[in-house]
Each structure stands twice: as C-alpha cells, then as structure tokens.
Amino acid sequence: MADDRTTAERRTARRGPGAVRCRAGALAPGEPGYDAGFDPGLDTGRDAGDDAGTVPWATWTRPGLEIATERVRDGVVVASVSGEIDLHTADRLRARLIGLHAAGRRSVVVDFAGVPFCDAAGLGALVAAHNDVVARGGAIRLARMRPAQERLVRITGLHRLFPVHATLDEAVAEATKALP
C-alpha cells in the first residue's frame, strides 16, 4: 500500500512535531527564544527588548557572537571571538573579518578560545573571508582552537588555507614575521 503523505509529513510523524535534527538548525516551537516571525536574513543584532512588539524578529533571544579586536601592530589585528559560530552567526563573523582587513590590517589572527561550537556554516564563513582577504593581499590565521575544532579543520583540509597555532603569542609572532 502506497503512502500518499509528503516526505515532510512522514518525517514529522517519525520525529514528532517541532523536532530539530541539526544543532545549528532553528529553535523548535515551544523552546525558549522561539519566534515564528523570525527571519534570519533580517537579523538586526538587537537585544530582545529593542522595539519588541513592533518588529517580529526583535524578540529573537538566541545568544549572539561577540568579536572583540585588539590592534597588535600596524598590520596585525587579533579578533577574539566569543560564542557559537553557526548558521545564525557565521555571516557576522565573515563580514567582521573582511572589514578588519579592509580597514588596513594585512593580517587577521582569529582567537577561538571563546568559541565552544563551530559548525559547517562557520567553516564556510572562514573560507569566504579567507578568499576575500587573500585576494586583496592579506592573511587569516587561527589560534587557540579546541582540539575537536582543530581536528575538524585538519580533516577538511582547511589547515592548508589557515595556519593553525596553539597559542595567541605564536600566531601574532608568525603574522608579524610575514608582514612586508
């Protein structure tokens, strides 16, 4: 006997309503912070209290990504990243890294010490930033990655694009040596 339900209907029946298959996926209905009107393409980065009730996506409370910068030398900047790098935050990371290079920093060191999780979208954002920065004569280095993150970078072959350093001092020293 043929099942006339769509694939989506069969999946919902197997998993149950609101089940999220991927950690980087959207929040499930009923989960704290869920907003049926949220559009990740329109994320303003505002806090949950800003304009609440007037802009449907302003009630989104998923933790954001923070990127603090420290100028080490004229051509080198350290971008200290805190928070999860996933589908919702990857574009912010990409734009910030490209922006740092465009502001005159030839080398960007990304400090991963405050990053507990980075998914494929995060890796894609790093590659996109790398492609843009290298095309304009710059470089991106990664520092203080967790062992699982570093393993993922090596398994995917991205260690050939990004030098990976165990310490921040090592990454900054190498970036400084590479400057013209």
Protein backbone atom coordinates (compact mmCIF):
# COMPACT_ATOMS: atom_id res chain seq x y z
CA MET A 1 0.00 0.00 0.00
CA ALA A 2 1.42 3.38 -1.03
CA ASP A 3 1.84 6.17 1.47
CA ASP A 4 0.39 9.37 -0.04
CA ARG A 5 2.00 11.69 2.52
CA THR A 6 4.81 14.05 1.52
CA THR A 7 8.35 13.46 2.73
CA ALA A 8 7.99 16.35 5.20
CA GLU A 9 4.80 14.83 6.61
CA ARG A 10 6.44 11.43 7.04
CA ARG A 11 9.47 12.99 8.78
CA THR A 12 7.24 14.93 11.16
CA ALA A 13 5.36 11.75 12.01
CA ARG A 14 8.65 9.92 12.77
CA ARG A 15 10.34 12.71 14.73
CA GLY A 16 7.35 14.37 16.27
CA PRO A 17 6.26 17.97 15.76
CA GLY A 18 8.91 20.63 16.30
CA ALA A 19 11.87 18.26 16.35
CA VAL A 20 15.10 19.84 15.19
CA ARG A 21 17.52 17.46 13.55
CA CYS A 22 20.64 19.63 13.48
CA ARG A 23 22.14 21.60 16.36
CA ALA A 24 22.64 24.58 14.05
CA GLY A 25 19.00 24.46 12.99
CA ALA A 26 16.23 26.79 14.03
CA LEU A 27 14.80 26.79 17.51
CA ALA A 28 11.85 24.43 17.92
CA PRO A 29 8.35 25.68 18.73
CA GLY A 30 7.96 25.97 22.48
CA GLU A 31 11.73 26.24 23.01
CA PRO A 32 12.79 29.40 24.90
CA GLY A 33 13.58 32.12 22.38
CA TYR A 34 11.49 30.63 19.56
CA ASP A 35 9.78 33.22 17.38
CA ALA A 36 7.67 32.09 14.43
CA GLY A 37 8.14 35.51 12.78
CA PHE A 38 11.95 35.50 12.93
CA ASP A 39 13.74 35.76 9.59
CA PRO A 40 17.49 35.07 9.97
CA GLY A 41 18.14 37.09 6.82
CA LEU A 42 16.83 40.16 8.64
CA ASP A 43 18.71 39.70 11.92
CA THR A 44 19.46 43.18 13.23
CA GLY A 45 21.65 42.02 16.09
CA ARG A 46 19.43 43.90 18.56
CA ASP A 47 18.61 42.64 22.03
CA ALA A 48 15.25 41.07 22.76
CA GLY A 49 13.89 44.26 24.37
CA ASP A 50 14.55 46.55 21.40
CA ASP A 51 11.32 47.50 19.62
CA ALA A 52 9.65 44.35 20.98
CA GLY A 53 6.20 44.04 19.50
CA THR A 54 6.86 46.30 16.51
CA VAL A 55 9.42 44.19 14.65
CA PRO A 56 8.66 40.44 14.60
CA TRP A 57 12.29 39.32 14.66
CA ALA A 58 13.29 41.65 17.51
CA THR A 59 12.13 39.02 20.04
CA TRP A 60 14.79 36.53 18.95
CA THR A 61 16.87 35.70 22.01
CA ARG A 62 19.43 33.23 20.66
CA PRO A 63 22.87 34.14 22.05
CA GLY A 64 24.93 36.16 19.62
CA LEU A 65 28.51 36.20 18.59
CA GLU A 66 30.89 38.75 20.02
CA ILE A 67 34.07 39.75 18.23
CA ALA A 68 36.47 41.97 20.16
CA THR A 69 39.51 43.37 18.39
CA GLU A 70 42.94 44.30 19.61
CA ARG A 71 45.47 46.02 17.41
CA VAL A 72 48.82 44.32 17.97
CA ARG A 73 50.90 46.06 15.35
CA ASP A 74 50.09 48.34 12.42
CA GLY A 75 49.33 45.47 10.07
CA VAL A 76 48.17 42.78 12.54
CA VAL A 77 44.91 42.62 14.44
CA VAL A 78 43.59 39.95 16.82
CA ALA A 79 39.87 39.17 16.57
CA SER A 80 38.80 37.43 19.79
CA VAL A 81 35.62 35.52 19.08
CA SER A 82 33.16 34.56 21.84
CA GLY A 83 30.06 32.45 21.30
CA GLU A 84 28.87 29.77 18.94
CA ILE A 85 29.63 30.10 15.24
CA ASP A 86 26.68 28.60 13.42
CA LEU A 87 24.14 29.32 10.71
CA HIS A 88 22.86 32.35 12.61
CA THR A 89 26.20 33.99 13.37
CA ALA A 90 28.51 32.92 10.52
CA ASP A 91 27.74 35.89 8.27
CA ARG A 92 28.54 38.30 11.09
CA LEU A 93 31.95 36.65 11.52
CA ARG A 94 32.68 36.72 7.79
CA ALA A 95 31.73 40.38 7.47
CA ARG A 96 33.79 41.38 10.52
CA LEU A 97 36.94 39.58 9.32
CA ILE A 98 36.65 41.12 5.86
CA GLY A 99 36.00 44.52 7.45
CA LEU A 100 39.10 44.29 9.64
CA HIS A 101 41.24 43.60 6.60
CA ALA A 102 39.56 46.37 4.60
CA ALA A 103 40.39 48.78 7.46
CA GLY A 104 44.08 48.31 6.72
CA ARG A 105 45.05 45.23 8.73
CA ARG A 106 47.04 42.97 6.42
CA SER A 107 46.92 40.02 8.80
CA VAL A 108 43.99 38.92 10.96
CA VAL A 109 44.51 36.45 13.81
CA VAL A 110 41.24 34.81 14.89
CA ASP A 111 41.33 33.77 18.56
CA PHE A 112 38.99 30.79 19.05
CA ALA A 113 39.48 30.49 22.84
CA GLY A 114 35.89 31.65 23.48
CA VAL A 115 34.24 29.51 20.80
CA PRO A 116 32.57 26.38 22.21
CA PHE A 117 30.99 25.34 18.90
CA CYS A 118 31.64 25.93 15.19
CA ASP A 119 29.61 24.14 12.52
CA ALA A 120 29.92 23.86 8.74
CA ALA A 121 28.39 27.31 8.26
CA GLY A 122 31.16 28.72 10.45
CA LEU A 123 33.82 26.95 8.42
CA GLY A 124 32.18 28.27 5.25
CA ALA A 125 32.30 31.81 6.64
CA LEU A 126 36.01 31.42 7.42
CA VAL A 127 36.69 30.18 3.88
CA ALA A 128 34.68 33.06 2.36
CA ALA A 129 36.59 35.58 4.49
CA HIS A 130 39.88 33.89 3.58
CA ASN A 131 39.12 34.08 -0.15
CA ASP A 132 38.28 37.78 0.07
CA VAL A 133 41.24 38.70 2.30
CA VAL A 134 43.82 36.70 0.32
CA ALA A 135 42.56 38.18 -2.97
CA ARG A 136 43.43 41.59 -1.51
CA GLY A 137 46.88 40.57 -0.29
CA GLY A 138 46.11 39.65 3.32
CA ALA A 139 46.09 36.56 5.50
CA ILE A 140 43.98 34.96 8.23
CA ARG A 141 45.47 32.79 10.99
CA LEU A 142 43.60 30.73 13.59
CA ALA A 143 44.70 30.46 17.22
CA ARG A 144 43.72 28.58 20.38
CA MET A 145 41.19 26.25 18.79
CA ARG A 146 39.71 23.46 20.87
CA PRO A 147 41.06 20.01 19.92
CA ALA A 148 37.80 18.95 18.24
CA GLN A 149 37.71 22.17 16.19
CA GLU A 150 41.32 21.80 15.14
CA ARG A 151 40.68 18.18 14.19
CA LEU A 152 37.74 19.28 12.01
CA VAL A 153 39.93 21.91 10.31
CA ARG A 154 42.57 19.26 9.59
CA ILE A 155 40.09 16.60 8.42
CA THR A 156 38.52 19.05 5.97
CA GLY A 157 41.93 20.15 4.71
CA LEU A 158 41.39 23.75 5.77
CA HIS A 159 44.72 23.74 7.62
CA ARG A 160 46.23 24.29 4.17
CA LEU A 161 44.35 27.62 3.95
CA PHE A 162 44.67 28.72 7.56
CA PRO A 163 47.80 28.38 9.63
CA VAL A 164 46.61 26.99 12.98
CA HIS A 165 48.53 28.00 16.12
CA ALA A 166 48.34 26.59 19.64
CA THR A 167 48.89 29.97 21.31
CA LEU A 168 47.94 33.54 20.54
CA ASP A 169 51.53 34.73 21.00
CA GLU A 170 52.74 32.23 18.41
CA ALA A 171 50.07 33.30 15.91
CA VAL A 172 50.83 37.01 16.36
CA ALA A 173 54.59 36.42 16.07
CA GLU A 174 54.15 34.47 12.83
CA ALA A 175 51.75 37.07 11.43
CA THR A 176 54.19 39.84 12.29
CA LYS A 177 57.09 37.99 10.61
CA ALA A 178 55.01 37.56 7.46
CA LEU A 179 54.39 41.30 7.09
CA PRO A 180 56.36 43.11 4.40
